[in-house]
Amino acid sequence: MSNFREEKESFIRSKYEAKEFLAPTSPASVPVTQLLMEAVCKQDLRGVVRCLSHCSSND
């Protein structure tokens, strides 16, 4: 039972903290904040949501 809990915790951390399941932003060299601003200016809702999912509390 403890092993299942550890495995579940590891999955949750990799999904929500490390964001390992997100598609990469492209191009990777451009800061996500810049991509977010561009998506907002283009009124690209999908782009805004994609960028927000990559943002951290430091962005």
PDB file of N, CA and C in Angstrom:
ATOM      1  N   MET A   1       0.827  -1.192   0.000  1.00  0.00           N
ATOM      2  CA  MET A   1       0.000   0.000   0.000  1.00  0.00           C
ATOM      3  C   MET A   1       0.870   1.254   0.000  1.00  0.00           C
ATOM      4  N   SER A   2       1.949   1.256   0.762  1.00  0.00           N
ATOM      5  CA  SER A   2       2.846   2.404   0.822  1.00  0.00           C
ATOM      6  C   SER A   2       3.495   2.653  -0.538  1.00  0.00           C
ATOM      7  N   ASN A   3       3.825   1.572  -1.238  1.00  0.00           N
ATOM      8  CA  ASN A   3       4.439   1.702  -2.554  1.00  0.00           C
ATOM      9  C   ASN A   3       3.486   2.397  -3.529  1.00  0.00           C
ATOM     10  N   PHE A   4       2.201   2.052  -3.468  1.00  0.00           N
ATOM     11  CA  PHE A   4       1.202   2.685  -4.327  1.00  0.00           C
ATOM     12  C   PHE A   4       1.116   4.173  -4.029  1.00  0.00           C
ATOM     13  N   ARG A   5       1.130   4.516  -2.768  1.00  0.00           N
ATOM     14  CA  ARG A   5       1.053   5.931  -2.387  1.00  0.00           C
ATOM     15  C   ARG A   5       2.271   6.701  -2.897  1.00  0.00           C
ATOM     16  N   GLU A   6       3.455   6.116  -2.761  1.00  0.00           N
ATOM     17  CA  GLU A   6       4.677   6.760  -3.249  1.00  0.00           C
ATOM     18  C   GLU A   6       4.642   6.926  -4.767  1.00  0.00           C
ATOM     19  N   GLU A   7       4.150   5.906  -5.452  1.00  0.00           N
ATOM     20  CA  GLU A   7       4.047   5.968  -6.907  1.00  0.00           C
ATOM     21  C   GLU A   7       3.050   7.053  -7.332  1.00  0.00           C
ATOM     22  N   LYS A   8       1.942   7.120  -6.643  1.00  0.00           N
ATOM     23  CA  LYS A   8       0.927   8.133  -6.935  1.00  0.00           C
ATOM     24  C   LYS A   8       1.475   9.537  -6.671  1.00  0.00           C
ATOM     25  N   GLU A   9       2.174   9.701  -5.564  1.00  0.00           N
ATOM     26  CA  GLU A   9       2.769  10.994  -5.232  1.00  0.00           C
ATOM     27  C   GLU A   9       3.810  11.396  -6.275  1.00  0.00           C
ATOM     28  N   SER A  10       4.601  10.444  -6.725  1.00  0.00           N
ATOM     29  CA  SER A  10       5.609  10.717  -7.748  1.00  0.00           C
ATOM     30  C   SER A  10       4.952  11.163  -9.055  1.00  0.00           C
ATOM     31  N   PHE A  11       3.869  10.500  -9.432  1.00  0.00           N
ATOM     32  CA  PHE A  11       3.141  10.870 -10.644  1.00  0.00           C
ATOM     33  C   PHE A  11       2.579  12.282 -10.530  1.00  0.00           C
ATOM     34  N   ILE A  12       1.972  12.597  -9.411  1.00  0.00           N
ATOM     35  CA  ILE A  12       1.376  13.917  -9.202  1.00  0.00           C
ATOM     36  C   ILE A  12       2.450  14.999  -9.245  1.00  0.00           C
ATOM     37  N   ARG A  13       3.579  14.748  -8.611  1.00  0.00           N
ATOM     38  CA  ARG A  13       4.675  15.729  -8.633  1.00  0.00           C
ATOM     39  C   ARG A  13       5.196  15.944 -10.057  1.00  0.00           C
ATOM     40  N   SER A  14       5.376  14.873 -10.797  1.00  0.00           N
ATOM     41  CA  SER A  14       5.891  15.032 -12.161  1.00  0.00           C
ATOM     42  C   SER A  14       4.879  15.732 -13.056  1.00  0.00           C
ATOM     43  N   LYS A  15       3.602  15.524 -12.796  1.00  0.00           N
ATOM     44  CA  LYS A  15       2.576  16.157 -13.630  1.00  0.00           C
ATOM     45  C   LYS A  15       2.389  17.631 -13.289  1.00  0.00           C
ATOM     46  N   TYR A  16       2.281  17.951 -12.011  1.00  0.00           N
ATOM     47  CA  TYR A  16       1.914  19.310 -11.621  1.00  0.00           C
ATOM     48  C   TYR A  16       3.093  20.197 -11.228  1.00  0.00           C
ATOM     49  N   GLU A  17       4.139  19.643 -10.659  1.00  0.00           N
ATOM     50  CA  GLU A  17       5.291  20.463 -10.277  1.00  0.00           C
ATOM     51  C   GLU A  17       6.300  20.567 -11.419  1.00  0.00           C
ATOM     52  N   ALA A  18       6.665  19.438 -11.999  1.00  0.00           N
ATOM     53  CA  ALA A  18       7.660  19.440 -13.074  1.00  0.00           C
ATOM     54  C   ALA A  18       7.028  19.688 -14.444  1.00  0.00           C
ATOM     55  N   LYS A  19       5.711  19.572 -14.519  1.00  0.00           N
ATOM     56  CA  LYS A  19       4.954  19.804 -15.768  1.00  0.00           C
ATOM     57  C   LYS A  19       5.495  18.957 -16.916  1.00  0.00           C
ATOM     58  N   GLU A  20       5.775  17.701 -16.623  1.00  0.00           N
ATOM     59  CA  GLU A  20       6.366  16.804 -17.607  1.00  0.00           C
ATOM     60  C   GLU A  20       5.392  16.365 -18.695  1.00  0.00           C
ATOM     61  N   PHE A  21       4.101  16.552 -18.500  1.00  0.00           N
ATOM     62  CA  PHE A  21       3.121  16.076 -19.465  1.00  0.00           C
ATOM     63  C   PHE A  21       2.673  17.161 -20.439  1.00  0.00           C
ATOM     64  N   LEU A  22       3.221  18.355 -20.321  1.00  0.00           N
ATOM     65  CA  LEU A  22       2.851  19.451 -21.217  1.00  0.00           C
ATOM     66  C   LEU A  22       3.646  19.383 -22.510  1.00  0.00           C
ATOM     67  N   ALA A  23       2.995  19.756 -23.593  1.00  0.00           N
ATOM     68  CA  ALA A  23       3.714  19.874 -24.862  1.00  0.00           C
ATOM     69  C   ALA A  23       4.689  21.038 -24.740  1.00  0.00           C
ATOM     70  N   PRO A  24       5.870  20.910 -25.294  1.00  0.00           N
ATOM     71  CA  PRO A  24       6.845  21.999 -25.177  1.00  0.00           C
ATOM     72  C   PRO A  24       6.387  23.242 -25.934  1.00  0.00           C
ATOM     73  N   THR A  25       6.792  24.394 -25.430  1.00  0.00           N
ATOM     74  CA  THR A  25       6.517  25.630 -26.157  1.00  0.00           C
ATOM     75  C   THR A  25       7.514  25.725 -27.299  1.00  0.00           C
ATOM     76  N   SER A  26       7.125  26.380 -28.345  1.00  0.00           N
ATOM     77  CA  SER A  26       8.064  26.523 -29.456  1.00  0.00           C
ATOM     78  C   SER A  26       8.085  27.967 -29.905  1.00  0.00           C
ATOM     79  N   PRO A  27       9.201  28.513 -30.211  1.00  0.00           N
ATOM     80  CA  PRO A  27      10.537  27.954 -30.000  1.00  0.00           C
ATOM     81  C   PRO A  27      10.931  28.025 -28.525  1.00  0.00           C
ATOM     82  N   ALA A  28      11.705  27.067 -28.104  1.00  0.00           N
ATOM     83  CA  ALA A  28      12.066  26.947 -26.689  1.00  0.00           C
ATOM     84  C   ALA A  28      12.936  28.100 -26.208  1.00  0.00           C
ATOM     85  N   SER A  29      13.614  28.784 -27.114  1.00  0.00           N
ATOM     86  CA  SER A  29      14.514  29.869 -26.710  1.00  0.00           C
ATOM     87  C   SER A  29      13.768  31.158 -26.354  1.00  0.00           C
ATOM     88  N   VAL A  30      12.493  31.247 -26.730  1.00  0.00           N
ATOM     89  CA  VAL A  30      11.700  32.449 -26.452  1.00  0.00           C
ATOM     90  C   VAL A  30      11.047  32.293 -25.079  1.00  0.00           C
ATOM     91  N   PRO A  31      11.184  33.292 -24.203  1.00  0.00           N
ATOM     92  CA  PRO A  31      10.566  33.199 -22.871  1.00  0.00           C
ATOM     93  C   PRO A  31       9.044  33.031 -22.968  1.00  0.00           C
ATOM     94  N   VAL A  32       8.499  32.234 -22.078  1.00  0.00           N
ATOM     95  CA  VAL A  32       7.062  31.962 -22.096  1.00  0.00           C
ATOM     96  C   VAL A  32       6.253  33.242 -21.887  1.00  0.00           C
ATOM     97  N   THR A  33       6.813  34.198 -21.154  1.00  0.00           N
ATOM     98  CA  THR A  33       6.094  35.458 -20.952  1.00  0.00           C
ATOM     99  C   THR A  33       5.946  36.220 -22.268  1.00  0.00           C
ATOM    100  N   GLN A  34       6.959  36.160 -23.113  1.00  0.00           N
ATOM    101  CA  GLN A  34       6.872  36.812 -24.422  1.00  0.00           C
ATOM    102  C   GLN A  34       5.851  36.098 -25.305  1.00  0.00           C
ATOM    103  N   LEU A  35       5.872  34.775 -25.281  1.00  0.00           N
ATOM    104  CA  LEU A  35       4.893  34.013 -26.053  1.00  0.00           C
ATOM    105  C   LEU A  35       3.477  34.320 -25.582  1.00  0.00           C
ATOM    106  N   LEU A  36       3.318  34.491 -24.271  1.00  0.00           N
ATOM    107  CA  LEU A  36       2.005  34.825 -23.712  1.00  0.00           C
ATOM    108  C   LEU A  36       1.532  36.179 -24.223  1.00  0.00           C
ATOM    109  N   MET A  37       2.403  37.166 -24.199  1.00  0.00           N
ATOM    110  CA  MET A  37       2.030  38.502 -24.678  1.00  0.00           C
ATOM    111  C   MET A  37       1.655  38.473 -26.163  1.00  0.00           C
ATOM    112  N   GLU A  38       2.403  37.714 -26.946  1.00  0.00           N
ATOM    113  CA  GLU A  38       2.099  37.600 -28.372  1.00  0.00           C
ATOM    114  C   GLU A  38       0.744  36.935 -28.592  1.00  0.00           C
ATOM    115  N   ALA A  39       0.454  35.906 -27.818  1.00  0.00           N
ATOM    116  CA  ALA A  39      -0.834  35.221 -27.944  1.00  0.00           C
ATOM    117  C   ALA A  39      -1.983  36.145 -27.555  1.00  0.00           C
ATOM    118  N   VAL A  40      -1.790  36.939 -26.512  1.00  0.00           N
ATOM    119  CA  VAL A  40      -2.822  37.893 -26.094  1.00  0.00           C
ATOM    120  C   VAL A  40      -3.054  38.918 -27.198  1.00  0.00           C
ATOM    121  N   CYS A  41      -1.984  39.458 -27.758  1.00  0.00           N
ATOM    122  CA  CYS A  41      -2.110  40.471 -28.825  1.00  0.00           C
ATOM    123  C   CYS A  41      -2.796  39.910 -30.065  1.00  0.00           C
ATOM    124  N   LYS A  42      -2.578  38.634 -30.350  1.00  0.00           N
ATOM    125  CA  LYS A  42      -3.198  37.994 -31.513  1.00  0.00           C
ATOM    126  C   LYS A  42      -4.609  37.486 -31.199  1.00  0.00           C
ATOM    127  N   GLN A  43      -5.025  37.627 -29.947  1.00  0.00           N
ATOM    128  CA  GLN A  43      -6.307  37.094 -29.474  1.00  0.00           C
ATOM    129  C   GLN A  43      -6.387  35.583 -29.712  1.00  0.00           C
ATOM    130  N   ASP A  44      -5.268  34.919 -29.479  1.00  0.00           N
ATOM    131  CA  ASP A  44      -5.145  33.472 -29.653  1.00  0.00           C
ATOM    132  C   ASP A  44      -5.409  32.800 -28.307  1.00  0.00           C
ATOM    133  N   LEU A  45      -6.664  32.445 -28.062  1.00  0.00           N
ATOM    134  CA  LEU A  45      -7.046  31.888 -26.766  1.00  0.00           C
ATOM    135  C   LEU A  45      -6.317  30.582 -26.463  1.00  0.00           C
ATOM    136  N   ARG A  46      -6.201  29.717 -27.446  1.00  0.00           N
ATOM    137  CA  ARG A  46      -5.477  28.450 -27.224  1.00  0.00           C
ATOM    138  C   ARG A  46      -4.015  28.718 -26.863  1.00  0.00           C
ATOM    139  N   GLY A  47      -3.410  29.671 -27.534  1.00  0.00           N
ATOM    140  CA  GLY A  47      -2.030  30.034 -27.234  1.00  0.00           C
ATOM    141  C   GLY A  47      -1.883  30.599 -25.834  1.00  0.00           C
ATOM    142  N   VAL A  48      -2.856  31.412 -25.416  1.00  0.00           N
ATOM    143  CA  VAL A  48      -2.835  31.971 -24.061  1.00  0.00           C
ATOM    144  C   VAL A  48      -2.908  30.849 -23.033  1.00  0.00           C
ATOM    145  N   VAL A  49      -3.834  29.930 -23.229  1.00  0.00           N
ATOM    146  CA  VAL A  49      -3.988  28.814 -22.284  1.00  0.00           C
ATOM    147  C   VAL A  49      -2.732  27.952 -22.266  1.00  0.00           C
ATOM    148  N   ARG A  50      -2.166  27.682 -23.430  1.00  0.00           N
ATOM    149  CA  ARG A  50      -0.938  26.876 -23.507  1.00  0.00           C
ATOM    150  C   ARG A  50       0.207  27.566 -22.759  1.00  0.00           C
ATOM    151  N   CYS A  51       0.342  28.871 -22.947  1.00  0.00           N
ATOM    152  CA  CYS A  51       1.407  29.616 -22.261  1.00  0.00           C
ATOM    153  C   CYS A  51       1.177  29.648 -20.753  1.00  0.00           C
ATOM    154  N   LEU A  52      -0.061  29.873 -20.348  1.00  0.00           N
ATOM    155  CA  LEU A  52      -0.357  29.919 -18.912  1.00  0.00           C
ATOM    156  C   LEU A  52      -0.041  28.595 -18.229  1.00  0.00           C
ATOM    157  N   SER A  53      -0.241  27.496 -18.934  1.00  0.00           N
ATOM    158  CA  SER A  53       0.062  26.194 -18.329  1.00  0.00           C
ATOM    159  C   SER A  53       1.560  26.009 -18.108  1.00  0.00           C
ATOM    160  N   HIS A  54       2.383  26.749 -18.841  1.00  0.00           N
ATOM    161  CA  HIS A  54       3.839  26.659 -18.690  1.00  0.00           C
ATOM    162  C   HIS A  54       4.398  27.688 -17.711  1.00  0.00           C
ATOM    163  N   CYS A  55       3.606  28.668 -17.344  1.00  0.00           N
ATOM    164  CA  CYS A  55       4.087  29.718 -16.439  1.00  0.00           C
ATOM    165  C   CYS A  55       4.273  29.180 -15.026  1.00  0.00           C
ATOM    166  N   SER A  56       5.186  29.797 -14.323  1.00  0.00           N
ATOM    167  CA  SER A  56       5.383  29.479 -12.911  1.00  0.00           C
ATOM    168  C   SER A  56       5.053  30.724 -12.105  1.00  0.00           C
ATOM    169  N   SER A  57       5.105  30.610 -10.809  1.00  0.00           N
ATOM    170  CA  SER A  57       4.804  31.769  -9.965  1.00  0.00           C
ATOM    171  C   SER A  57       5.863  32.858 -10.120  1.00  0.00           C
ATOM    172  N   ASN A  58       7.031  32.519 -10.667  1.00  0.00           N
ATOM    173  CA  ASN A  58       8.098  33.501 -10.887  1.00  0.00           C
ATOM    174  C   ASN A  58       7.909  34.303 -12.163  1.00  0.00           C
ATOM    175  N   ASP A  59       7.029  33.841 -13.056  1.00  0.00           N
ATOM    176  CA  ASP A  59       6.841  34.513 -14.352  1.00  0.00           C
ATOM    177  C   ASP A  59       5.922  35.652 -14.230  1.00  0.00           C
TER     178      ASP A  59
END
